[in-house]
Protein backbone atom coordinates (compact mmCIF):
# COMPACT_ATOMS: atom_id res chain seq x y z
CA MET A 1 0.13 0.29 -0.47
CA ASN A 2 1.94 3.20 1.38
CA ASP A 3 5.55 2.24 0.52
CA ILE A 4 7.16 5.67 2.58
CA PRO A 5 7.88 4.26 6.48
CA GLU A 6 5.18 5.09 9.07
CA ARG A 7 9.14 7.24 10.27
CA ALA A 8 9.09 9.59 7.72
CA GLN A 9 4.90 10.39 7.65
CA GLU A 10 5.65 10.89 11.35
CA SER A 11 7.86 13.69 10.41
CA LYS A 12 5.56 15.29 7.64
CA ALA A 13 2.85 16.11 10.07
CA PRO A 14 2.68 19.44 11.89
CA SER A 15 4.07 19.02 14.84
CA SER A 16 1.84 20.33 17.91
CA SER A 17 4.57 21.56 19.52
CA LEU A 18 5.95 23.65 16.77
CA GLN A 19 3.21 25.46 16.50
CA ALA A 20 2.88 26.82 19.83
CA ARG A 21 6.21 27.84 20.82
CA PRO A 22 6.69 31.13 17.70
CA ARG A 23 2.74 32.30 19.46
CA SER A 24 4.01 31.96 23.23
CA ALA A 25 7.35 33.50 22.18
CA ASN A 26 4.94 36.50 20.73
CA VAL A 27 3.21 36.68 23.73
CA GLY A 28 5.98 37.65 25.75
CA ARG A 29 7.60 39.77 23.58
CA ILE A 30 4.13 41.54 23.99
CA ALA A 31 4.45 41.70 27.39
CA LEU A 32 7.48 42.19 27.35
CA ILE A 33 7.22 45.63 25.67
CA VAL A 34 3.56 46.53 27.62
CA ALA A 35 5.96 46.26 31.00
CA LEU A 36 8.26 48.36 29.28
CA VAL A 37 5.74 51.37 27.65
CA LEU A 38 4.51 51.48 31.56
CA LEU A 39 7.43 51.70 33.09
CA VAL A 40 8.54 54.52 30.99
CA ALA A 41 5.58 56.31 31.27
CA ALA A 42 5.15 56.03 35.34
CA ALA A 43 9.02 57.71 34.94
CA ALA A 44 7.88 60.40 33.18
CA SER A 45 4.96 60.76 35.05
CA ILE A 46 7.21 60.32 38.40
CA GLY A 47 9.43 63.16 36.71
CA ALA A 48 6.72 65.82 35.93
CA ALA A 49 5.52 65.26 39.39
CA VAL A 50 8.82 65.84 40.63
CA LEU A 51 9.86 68.89 38.17
CA ILE A 52 6.69 70.81 39.31
CA LYS A 53 6.77 69.92 42.69
CA ASN A 54 10.19 71.78 42.84
CA THR A 55 8.93 74.32 40.91
CA ASN A 56 7.99 76.90 43.77
CA THR A 57 6.77 81.22 43.06
CA THR A 58 8.18 83.51 45.02
CA THR A 59 5.82 86.65 45.68
CA GLY A 60 8.29 89.82 46.42
CA ASN A 61 8.16 93.51 45.82
CA SER A 62 7.63 93.47 42.17
CA GLY A 63 4.68 91.01 41.87
CA THR A 64 4.84 87.01 41.71
CA HIS A 65 7.74 85.33 39.71
CA PRO A 66 8.44 81.44 39.07
CA SER A 67 11.26 80.55 40.78
CA PRO A 68 13.23 77.31 39.38
CA GLY A 69 13.64 73.71 41.17
CA ASN A 70 15.37 75.36 44.59
CA ALA A 71 16.66 70.91 45.54
CA ALA A 72 18.12 71.10 41.86
CA LEU A 73 19.88 74.32 42.53
CA ALA A 74 21.79 72.08 45.54
CA VAL A 75 21.78 68.37 44.66
CA ASN A 76 25.41 67.74 44.70
CA ALA A 77 26.33 70.83 47.72
CA SER A 78 28.62 70.26 50.49
CA GLY A 79 29.39 72.59 52.75
CA ILE A 80 30.63 73.66 56.36
CA VAL A 81 29.84 76.28 59.02
CA ALA A 82 32.36 77.53 61.57
CA PHE A 83 30.87 79.36 64.60
CA THR A 84 33.56 81.34 65.97
CA ASP A 85 34.71 83.90 69.14
CA GLN A 86 34.83 87.56 66.94
CA PRO A 87 37.88 89.47 69.14
CA GLY A 88 37.09 91.50 72.11
CA ARG A 89 34.42 88.96 73.02
CA PRO A 90 35.28 85.66 73.90
CA GLY A 91 32.74 82.49 74.61
CA HIS A 92 30.03 84.19 72.91
CA SER A 93 30.15 82.47 69.88
CA ASN A 94 28.74 85.74 67.91
CA ALA A 95 30.70 85.11 64.67
CA ILE A 96 29.10 82.81 61.41
CA THR A 97 31.75 81.82 58.40
CA MET A 98 30.13 79.75 55.64
CA ALA A 99 31.12 77.75 52.70
CA VAL A 100 28.87 76.18 50.00
CA ASN A 101 30.64 74.21 46.92
CA SER A 102 28.97 72.56 44.08
CA LEU A 103 25.50 74.78 44.46
CA LEU A 104 24.43 76.01 40.92
CA ALA A 105 25.26 79.76 39.84
CA PRO A 106 21.35 81.49 40.87
CA PRO A 107 19.07 82.37 38.24
CA ALA A 108 19.05 85.97 37.44
CA GLY A 109 17.35 88.25 39.72
CA PHE A 110 17.98 85.48 42.78
CA GLN A 111 20.62 84.66 44.92
CA TYR A 112 21.17 82.44 47.46
CA GLU A 113 20.61 83.84 51.48
CA ALA A 114 21.45 81.69 54.59
CA TRP A 115 18.89 81.78 56.99
CA LEU A 116 19.61 81.03 61.24
CA VAL A 117 16.36 79.35 62.47
CA ASP A 118 15.07 78.08 66.04
CA SER A 119 13.43 75.59 64.65
CA ALA A 120 10.69 75.62 67.97
CA SER A 121 10.33 79.26 67.48
CA LYS A 122 10.81 79.69 63.33
CA HIS A 123 11.87 82.69 64.33
CA ALA A 124 14.57 82.95 61.56
CA ILE A 125 18.68 85.23 62.19
CA ALA A 126 19.25 87.11 58.29
CA LEU A 127 22.81 86.14 57.87
CA GLY A 128 23.17 87.17 54.78
CA LYS A 129 23.31 86.70 50.75
CA LEU A 130 26.42 84.42 50.03
CA VAL A 131 28.77 85.99 47.94
CA ALA A 132 29.86 83.40 44.34
CA LYS A 133 33.89 83.07 44.89
CA ASN A 134 36.08 80.92 42.88
CA GLN A 135 33.05 77.09 42.88
CA SER A 136 31.97 77.61 46.23
CA PHE A 137 29.46 80.24 47.84
CA THR A 138 30.81 82.30 50.84
CA LEU A 139 29.28 83.60 53.77
CA SER A 140 30.80 86.01 56.85
CA TYR A 141 28.55 87.46 59.37
CA ILE A 142 29.15 88.99 62.79
CA SER A 143 26.00 89.60 65.57
CA ASP A 144 25.71 92.30 67.46
CA GLY A 145 26.66 90.53 71.04
CA ILE A 146 23.64 87.31 69.97
CA ASN A 147 25.39 83.55 71.19
CA LEU A 148 24.73 82.86 67.90
CA ILE A 149 24.50 78.78 68.54
CA GLY A 150 21.89 79.66 71.46
CA ALA A 151 20.44 81.94 68.78
CA GLY A 152 18.97 78.51 66.44
CA ASP A 153 18.94 75.27 65.33
CA THR A 154 19.17 75.30 61.96
CA ILE A 155 21.10 76.86 59.23
CA GLU A 156 19.32 76.85 55.73
CA ILE A 157 20.11 78.65 52.35
CA THR A 158 16.97 79.77 50.57
CA LEU A 159 16.89 81.16 47.04
CA GLU A 160 15.16 84.18 46.95
CA HIS A 161 14.04 86.74 44.03
CA GLY A 162 15.26 90.35 45.58
CA ALA A 163 15.91 92.11 49.56
CA VAL A 164 14.39 89.43 51.63
CA SER A 165 13.69 89.71 55.43
CA LEU A 166 12.79 87.04 56.35
CA PRO A 167 12.81 83.58 53.87
CA ARG A 168 9.54 83.34 51.30
CA ALA A 169 11.07 80.42 49.27
CA ARG A 170 11.70 77.04 50.40
CA CYS A 171 15.75 75.81 51.48
CA CYS A 172 17.74 74.47 48.68
CA TYR A 173 19.89 73.62 51.33
CA GLN A 174 20.91 72.39 54.74
CA PRO A 175 24.55 72.34 56.18
CA LEU A 176 23.74 69.58 59.08
CA PHE A 177 23.98 70.96 62.49
CA ARG A 178 22.00 70.85 64.86
CA ARG A 179 22.29 72.27 68.64
CA GLY A 180 23.19 69.98 71.52
CA PRO A 181 19.93 68.69 74.35
């Protein structure tokens, strides 16, 4: 009847396991592509939310001005703060010297301001504008006899627009300084 051996006839017939492989491989690829698209969409949403959150508005005498993301200006910043006694007034710690490295240059019309803050009373002493010097920003402040270590427990640097007497912007850099218990 049929001179073809049984084994040869079987090889001509399509195998069910060979047909299923391409379909499952396509499903896996589709799932991977969908997962990657969702991951990119989630990352874009998070990035947009962070950008919006770090962009705030400051109100001054000349109206409302959008300020750049304060946190982005100080991402890699590091600094040092030294409390010293002004000559002739030992034991008062009435002078502060500060140097902050890796702050980005502020946008036109903005400046970095430093504050000594008492977090319990929310009272802030304006230490002044940080001045760009080489690759860092520096500040020297001498009080009128106030013991500065006792006057606050936090130093904050804000990005401000125009002349200010109280911090208006969110803190963009906070050197590690905590007054003891």
